[in-house]
Amino acid sequence: MKNLILAFAAGAALMACTPATEPTPVAPVPGAAAPATATPDPQPPVVDPANPPPDACGAAQYASLVGQPITAAGVPAEGPNVRYIRPNTQVTMDFRADRLNIDIDANDVITGFRCT
């Protein structure tokens, strides 16, 4: 039994030292197009917080909803690019020009729209 355990341990140790097989390189075919190289994902444009683009989130189109309840028709739903801000709501201070912030008072009435 002792010899069987030693043989198994030696075999496992040898397998751990075996190099992995590498794929065989393929010769390019003459006249064939070169293989496509992966391009990195484009980074979002950097926006200067001191000089944001005008109305990057589309807040102007909702100006007529100021004074309306948050449940009024046409108010965008809260989501990744839309944030409802009520009194005493904690919000992150990161700048995102594409995010629409909807300011809401204690009575759930819209007090303003802004991009940040």
N, C-alpha and C. Protein backbone atom coordinates (compact mmCIF):
# COMPACT_ATOMS: atom_id res chain seq x y z
N MET A 1 0.82 -1.19 0.00
CA MET A 1 0.00 0.00 0.00
C MET A 1 0.87 1.26 0.00
N LYS A 2 1.99 1.17 0.76
CA LYS A 2 2.88 2.31 0.84
C LYS A 2 3.49 2.63 -0.52
N ASN A 3 3.81 1.59 -1.29
CA ASN A 3 4.38 1.79 -2.61
C ASN A 3 3.37 2.44 -3.56
N LEU A 4 2.10 2.09 -3.42
CA LEU A 4 1.05 2.67 -4.26
C LEU A 4 0.91 4.18 -3.99
N ILE A 5 0.96 4.55 -2.74
CA ILE A 5 0.85 5.97 -2.38
C ILE A 5 2.05 6.74 -2.90
N LEU A 6 3.25 6.18 -2.75
CA LEU A 6 4.45 6.84 -3.26
C LEU A 6 4.42 6.97 -4.78
N ALA A 7 3.94 5.94 -5.47
CA ALA A 7 3.86 5.99 -6.93
C ALA A 7 2.87 7.06 -7.37
N PHE A 8 1.76 7.17 -6.68
CA PHE A 8 0.75 8.17 -7.01
C PHE A 8 1.30 9.58 -6.77
N ALA A 9 1.99 9.79 -5.65
CA ALA A 9 2.55 11.10 -5.34
C ALA A 9 3.62 11.48 -6.36
N ALA A 10 4.45 10.51 -6.76
CA ALA A 10 5.49 10.79 -7.75
C ALA A 10 4.86 11.13 -9.10
N GLY A 11 3.83 10.42 -9.48
CA GLY A 11 3.14 10.70 -10.74
C GLY A 11 2.50 12.08 -10.73
N ALA A 12 1.89 12.46 -9.62
CA ALA A 12 1.27 13.78 -9.51
C ALA A 12 2.32 14.88 -9.58
N ALA A 13 3.46 14.64 -8.95
CA ALA A 13 4.54 15.64 -8.98
C ALA A 13 5.07 15.80 -10.40
N LEU A 14 5.21 14.71 -11.13
CA LEU A 14 5.70 14.79 -12.51
C LEU A 14 4.70 15.49 -13.42
N MET A 15 3.43 15.27 -13.21
CA MET A 15 2.40 15.91 -14.03
C MET A 15 2.39 17.42 -13.79
N ALA A 16 2.70 17.85 -12.57
CA ALA A 16 2.71 19.27 -12.27
C ALA A 16 3.87 19.97 -12.97
N CYS A 17 4.92 19.23 -13.27
CA CYS A 17 6.09 19.83 -13.92
C CYS A 17 6.03 19.74 -15.44
N THR A 18 5.04 19.06 -15.97
CA THR A 18 4.93 18.91 -17.41
C THR A 18 4.51 20.23 -18.04
N PRO A 19 5.26 20.70 -19.04
CA PRO A 19 4.86 21.97 -19.68
C PRO A 19 3.57 21.80 -20.46
N ALA A 20 2.83 22.87 -20.53
CA ALA A 20 1.58 22.84 -21.30
C ALA A 20 1.91 22.80 -22.78
N THR A 21 1.08 22.12 -23.53
CA THR A 21 1.31 22.08 -24.97
C THR A 21 0.84 23.39 -25.57
N GLU A 22 1.62 23.91 -26.51
CA GLU A 22 1.26 25.15 -27.18
C GLU A 22 0.66 24.84 -28.52
N PRO A 23 -0.28 25.68 -28.98
CA PRO A 23 -0.89 25.42 -30.29
C PRO A 23 0.16 25.58 -31.39
N THR A 24 -0.01 24.78 -32.41
CA THR A 24 0.90 24.84 -33.54
C THR A 24 0.60 26.09 -34.35
N PRO A 25 1.63 26.91 -34.66
CA PRO A 25 1.36 28.12 -35.43
C PRO A 25 0.91 27.77 -36.84
N VAL A 26 -0.01 28.55 -37.36
CA VAL A 26 -0.55 28.32 -38.70
C VAL A 26 0.11 29.34 -39.63
N ALA A 27 0.62 28.83 -40.74
CA ALA A 27 1.26 29.72 -41.70
C ALA A 27 0.20 30.54 -42.42
N PRO A 28 0.45 31.84 -42.64
CA PRO A 28 -0.54 32.66 -43.34
C PRO A 28 -0.68 32.23 -44.79
N VAL A 29 -1.90 32.34 -45.29
CA VAL A 29 -2.18 31.99 -46.67
C VAL A 29 -1.83 33.19 -47.54
N PRO A 30 -1.03 33.00 -48.60
CA PRO A 30 -0.69 34.14 -49.45
C PRO A 30 -1.95 34.76 -50.07
N GLY A 31 -2.03 36.09 -50.02
CA GLY A 31 -3.17 36.80 -50.60
C GLY A 31 -4.34 36.93 -49.64
N ALA A 32 -4.29 36.29 -48.48
CA ALA A 32 -5.39 36.38 -47.52
C ALA A 32 -5.25 37.66 -46.71
N ALA A 33 -6.37 38.14 -46.22
CA ALA A 33 -6.37 39.35 -45.40
C ALA A 33 -5.68 39.06 -44.07
N ALA A 34 -5.04 40.05 -43.54
CA ALA A 34 -4.38 39.89 -42.25
C ALA A 34 -5.45 39.71 -41.17
N PRO A 35 -5.14 38.93 -40.14
CA PRO A 35 -6.13 38.73 -39.07
C PRO A 35 -6.43 40.06 -38.38
N ALA A 36 -7.69 40.19 -38.00
CA ALA A 36 -8.12 41.43 -37.34
C ALA A 36 -7.53 41.48 -35.94
N THR A 37 -7.07 42.63 -35.56
CA THR A 37 -6.56 42.80 -34.21
C THR A 37 -7.64 43.42 -33.36
N ALA A 38 -7.66 43.04 -32.12
CA ALA A 38 -8.67 43.56 -31.20
C ALA A 38 -8.37 45.02 -30.92
N THR A 39 -9.39 45.84 -31.00
CA THR A 39 -9.23 47.24 -30.68
C THR A 39 -9.79 47.47 -29.28
N PRO A 40 -9.13 48.31 -28.51
CA PRO A 40 -9.64 48.56 -27.16
C PRO A 40 -10.97 49.30 -27.21
N ASP A 41 -11.78 49.10 -26.16
CA ASP A 41 -13.06 49.80 -26.08
C ASP A 41 -12.80 51.30 -25.99
N PRO A 42 -13.55 52.09 -26.73
CA PRO A 42 -13.34 53.54 -26.65
C PRO A 42 -13.73 54.05 -25.28
N GLN A 43 -12.96 54.96 -24.78
CA GLN A 43 -13.24 55.57 -23.48
C GLN A 43 -14.26 56.69 -23.68
N PRO A 44 -15.14 56.89 -22.68
CA PRO A 44 -16.09 57.99 -22.82
C PRO A 44 -15.33 59.32 -22.87
N PRO A 45 -15.87 60.29 -23.56
CA PRO A 45 -15.16 61.57 -23.65
C PRO A 45 -15.02 62.21 -22.28
N VAL A 46 -13.88 62.81 -22.05
CA VAL A 46 -13.64 63.49 -20.79
C VAL A 46 -14.31 64.86 -20.86
N VAL A 47 -15.13 65.15 -19.86
CA VAL A 47 -15.86 66.41 -19.82
C VAL A 47 -15.30 67.24 -18.69
N ASP A 48 -14.98 68.48 -18.98
CA ASP A 48 -14.48 69.40 -17.98
C ASP A 48 -15.65 69.85 -17.11
N PRO A 49 -15.65 69.51 -15.80
CA PRO A 49 -16.76 69.90 -14.93
C PRO A 49 -16.97 71.41 -14.87
N ALA A 50 -15.91 72.17 -15.09
CA ALA A 50 -16.04 73.63 -15.04
C ALA A 50 -16.69 74.18 -16.30
N ASN A 51 -16.69 73.39 -17.38
CA ASN A 51 -17.26 73.86 -18.65
C ASN A 51 -18.01 72.71 -19.34
N PRO A 52 -19.13 72.22 -18.74
CA PRO A 52 -19.84 71.10 -19.35
C PRO A 52 -20.54 71.51 -20.63
N PRO A 53 -20.82 70.55 -21.51
CA PRO A 53 -21.57 70.88 -22.72
C PRO A 53 -22.99 71.32 -22.33
N PRO A 54 -23.56 72.21 -23.09
CA PRO A 54 -24.90 72.69 -22.73
C PRO A 54 -25.94 71.58 -22.86
N ASP A 55 -26.70 71.39 -21.80
CA ASP A 55 -27.82 70.45 -21.77
C ASP A 55 -27.46 69.05 -22.28
N ALA A 56 -26.38 68.49 -21.78
CA ALA A 56 -25.92 67.17 -22.20
C ALA A 56 -26.90 66.06 -21.83
N CYS A 57 -27.72 66.28 -20.83
CA CYS A 57 -28.66 65.24 -20.39
C CYS A 57 -30.08 65.48 -20.90
N GLY A 58 -30.33 66.58 -21.58
CA GLY A 58 -31.65 66.87 -22.12
C GLY A 58 -32.62 67.47 -21.11
N ALA A 59 -32.10 68.15 -20.10
CA ALA A 59 -32.96 68.72 -19.06
C ALA A 59 -33.93 69.76 -19.60
N ALA A 60 -33.56 70.49 -20.63
CA ALA A 60 -34.42 71.56 -21.15
C ALA A 60 -35.76 71.05 -21.65
N GLN A 61 -35.79 69.83 -22.16
CA GLN A 61 -37.05 69.30 -22.70
C GLN A 61 -38.08 69.01 -21.61
N TYR A 62 -37.63 68.97 -20.34
CA TYR A 62 -38.56 68.69 -19.24
C TYR A 62 -38.93 69.94 -18.46
N ALA A 63 -38.52 71.11 -18.89
CA ALA A 63 -38.75 72.35 -18.15
C ALA A 63 -40.24 72.60 -17.88
N SER A 64 -41.10 72.17 -18.76
CA SER A 64 -42.54 72.39 -18.56
C SER A 64 -43.11 71.55 -17.42
N LEU A 65 -42.34 70.57 -16.93
CA LEU A 65 -42.83 69.72 -15.85
C LEU A 65 -42.51 70.26 -14.46
N VAL A 66 -41.77 71.37 -14.38
CA VAL A 66 -41.49 71.97 -13.08
C VAL A 66 -42.81 72.43 -12.46
N GLY A 67 -43.02 72.06 -11.21
CA GLY A 67 -44.28 72.37 -10.51
C GLY A 67 -45.28 71.24 -10.58
N GLN A 68 -45.01 70.23 -11.38
CA GLN A 68 -45.89 69.07 -11.51
C GLN A 68 -45.47 67.98 -10.51
N PRO A 69 -46.40 67.09 -10.14
CA PRO A 69 -46.01 65.98 -9.26
C PRO A 69 -45.07 65.02 -10.01
N ILE A 70 -44.25 64.32 -9.28
CA ILE A 70 -43.29 63.39 -9.88
C ILE A 70 -44.01 62.26 -10.63
N THR A 71 -45.26 62.03 -10.32
CA THR A 71 -46.03 60.97 -10.98
C THR A 71 -46.68 61.44 -12.28
N ALA A 72 -46.47 62.71 -12.66
CA ALA A 72 -47.10 63.26 -13.88
C ALA A 72 -46.59 62.52 -15.12
N ALA A 73 -47.42 62.51 -16.14
CA ALA A 73 -47.03 61.87 -17.40
C ALA A 73 -45.87 62.63 -18.02
N GLY A 74 -44.93 61.89 -18.58
CA GLY A 74 -43.79 62.51 -19.25
C GLY A 74 -42.56 62.64 -18.39
N VAL A 75 -42.67 62.38 -17.09
CA VAL A 75 -41.50 62.44 -16.21
C VAL A 75 -40.70 61.16 -16.42
N PRO A 76 -39.41 61.26 -16.73
CA PRO A 76 -38.63 60.05 -16.96
C PRO A 76 -38.51 59.21 -15.69
N ALA A 77 -38.50 57.92 -15.88
CA ALA A 77 -38.38 57.00 -14.75
C ALA A 77 -36.97 57.04 -14.18
N GLU A 78 -36.87 56.82 -12.90
CA GLU A 78 -35.57 56.79 -12.24
C GLU A 78 -34.78 55.59 -12.75
N GLY A 79 -33.52 55.78 -13.04
CA GLY A 79 -32.68 54.71 -13.56
C GLY A 79 -31.22 55.11 -13.53
N PRO A 80 -30.38 54.42 -14.32
CA PRO A 80 -28.95 54.69 -14.29
C PRO A 80 -28.57 56.12 -14.69
N ASN A 81 -29.34 56.74 -15.59
CA ASN A 81 -29.02 58.09 -16.05
C ASN A 81 -30.03 59.12 -15.58
N VAL A 82 -30.94 58.71 -14.71
CA VAL A 82 -31.94 59.62 -14.16
C VAL A 82 -31.96 59.42 -12.65
N ARG A 83 -31.81 60.53 -11.92
CA ARG A 83 -31.74 60.45 -10.46
C ARG A 83 -32.76 61.38 -9.84
N TYR A 84 -33.61 60.84 -8.96
CA TYR A 84 -34.58 61.65 -8.21
C TYR A 84 -33.87 62.12 -6.94
N ILE A 85 -33.92 63.42 -6.67
CA ILE A 85 -33.28 63.95 -5.47
C ILE A 85 -34.34 64.64 -4.63
N ARG A 86 -34.67 64.01 -3.52
CA ARG A 86 -35.65 64.54 -2.57
C ARG A 86 -34.89 65.21 -1.42
N PRO A 87 -35.59 65.95 -0.56
CA PRO A 87 -34.91 66.56 0.60
C PRO A 87 -34.22 65.47 1.44
N ASN A 88 -33.03 65.76 1.88
CA ASN A 88 -32.22 64.86 2.72
C ASN A 88 -31.76 63.60 2.00
N THR A 89 -31.83 63.57 0.66
CA THR A 89 -31.33 62.43 -0.09
C THR A 89 -29.82 62.56 -0.21
N GLN A 90 -29.11 61.48 0.09
CA GLN A 90 -27.66 61.48 -0.08
C GLN A 90 -27.36 61.13 -1.53
N VAL A 91 -26.52 61.92 -2.16
CA VAL A 91 -26.14 61.67 -3.55
C VAL A 91 -24.63 61.73 -3.68
N THR A 92 -24.12 61.03 -4.66
CA THR A 92 -22.69 61.09 -4.93
C THR A 92 -22.36 62.43 -5.57
N MET A 93 -21.13 62.84 -5.44
CA MET A 93 -20.72 64.14 -5.98
C MET A 93 -19.95 63.99 -7.29
N ASP A 94 -19.98 62.80 -7.89
CA ASP A 94 -19.28 62.61 -9.16
C ASP A 94 -20.00 63.37 -10.26
N PHE A 95 -19.24 63.88 -11.20
CA PHE A 95 -19.83 64.66 -12.29
C PHE A 95 -20.08 63.75 -13.48
N ARG A 96 -21.32 63.70 -13.92
CA ARG A 96 -21.69 62.97 -15.14
C ARG A 96 -22.63 63.86 -15.93
N ALA A 97 -22.13 64.38 -17.02
CA ALA A 97 -22.92 65.33 -17.82
C ALA A 97 -24.15 64.68 -18.42
N ASP A 98 -24.14 63.35 -18.59
CA ASP A 98 -25.27 62.66 -19.20
C ASP A 98 -26.36 62.28 -18.20
N ARG A 99 -26.15 62.56 -16.92
CA ARG A 99 -27.13 62.17 -15.90
C ARG A 99 -28.11 63.31 -15.65
N LEU A 100 -29.40 63.00 -15.69
CA LEU A 100 -30.46 63.96 -15.42
C LEU A 100 -30.83 63.86 -13.94
N ASN A 101 -30.69 64.96 -13.23
CA ASN A 101 -31.11 65.03 -11.83
C ASN A 101 -32.44 65.75 -11.77
N ILE A 102 -33.38 65.14 -11.10
CA ILE A 102 -34.71 65.74 -10.92
C ILE A 102 -34.84 66.11 -9.45
N ASP A 103 -34.90 67.40 -9.17
CA ASP A 103 -35.06 67.88 -7.80
C ASP A 103 -36.53 67.85 -7.44
N ILE A 104 -36.83 67.27 -6.28
CA ILE A 104 -38.22 67.06 -5.84
C ILE A 104 -38.34 67.59 -4.42
N ASP A 105 -39.44 68.30 -4.12
CA ASP A 105 -39.63 68.80 -2.76
C ASP A 105 -40.29 67.74 -1.88
N ALA A 106 -40.56 68.10 -0.62
CA ALA A 106 -41.13 67.16 0.34
C ALA A 106 -42.53 66.68 -0.03
N ASN A 107 -43.22 67.43 -0.91
CA ASN A 107 -44.57 67.05 -1.34
C ASN A 107 -44.56 66.28 -2.66
N ASP A 108 -43.39 65.80 -3.09
CA ASP A 108 -43.22 65.07 -4.36
C ASP A 108 -43.57 65.92 -5.57
N VAL A 109 -43.26 67.21 -5.49
CA VAL A 109 -43.46 68.13 -6.61
C VAL A 109 -42.08 68.46 -7.19
N ILE A 110 -41.97 68.45 -8.50
CA ILE A 110 -40.70 68.70 -9.18
C ILE A 110 -40.34 70.18 -9.04
N THR A 111 -39.12 70.44 -8.57
CA THR A 111 -38.66 71.82 -8.42
C THR A 111 -37.60 72.20 -9.45
N GLY A 112 -37.07 71.21 -10.17
CA GLY A 112 -36.08 71.55 -11.17
C GLY A 112 -35.43 70.33 -11.80
N PHE A 113 -34.78 70.57 -12.94
CA PHE A 113 -34.02 69.55 -13.66
C PHE A 113 -32.64 70.09 -13.91
N ARG A 114 -31.61 69.25 -13.79
CA ARG A 114 -30.25 69.68 -14.07
C ARG A 114 -29.39 68.49 -14.48
N CYS A 115 -28.35 68.80 -15.21
CA CYS A 115 -27.40 67.79 -15.66
C CYS A 115 -26.17 67.81 -14.77
N THR A 116 -25.88 66.73 -14.06
CA THR A 116 -24.64 66.58 -13.29
C THR A 116 -24.40 65.14 -12.96
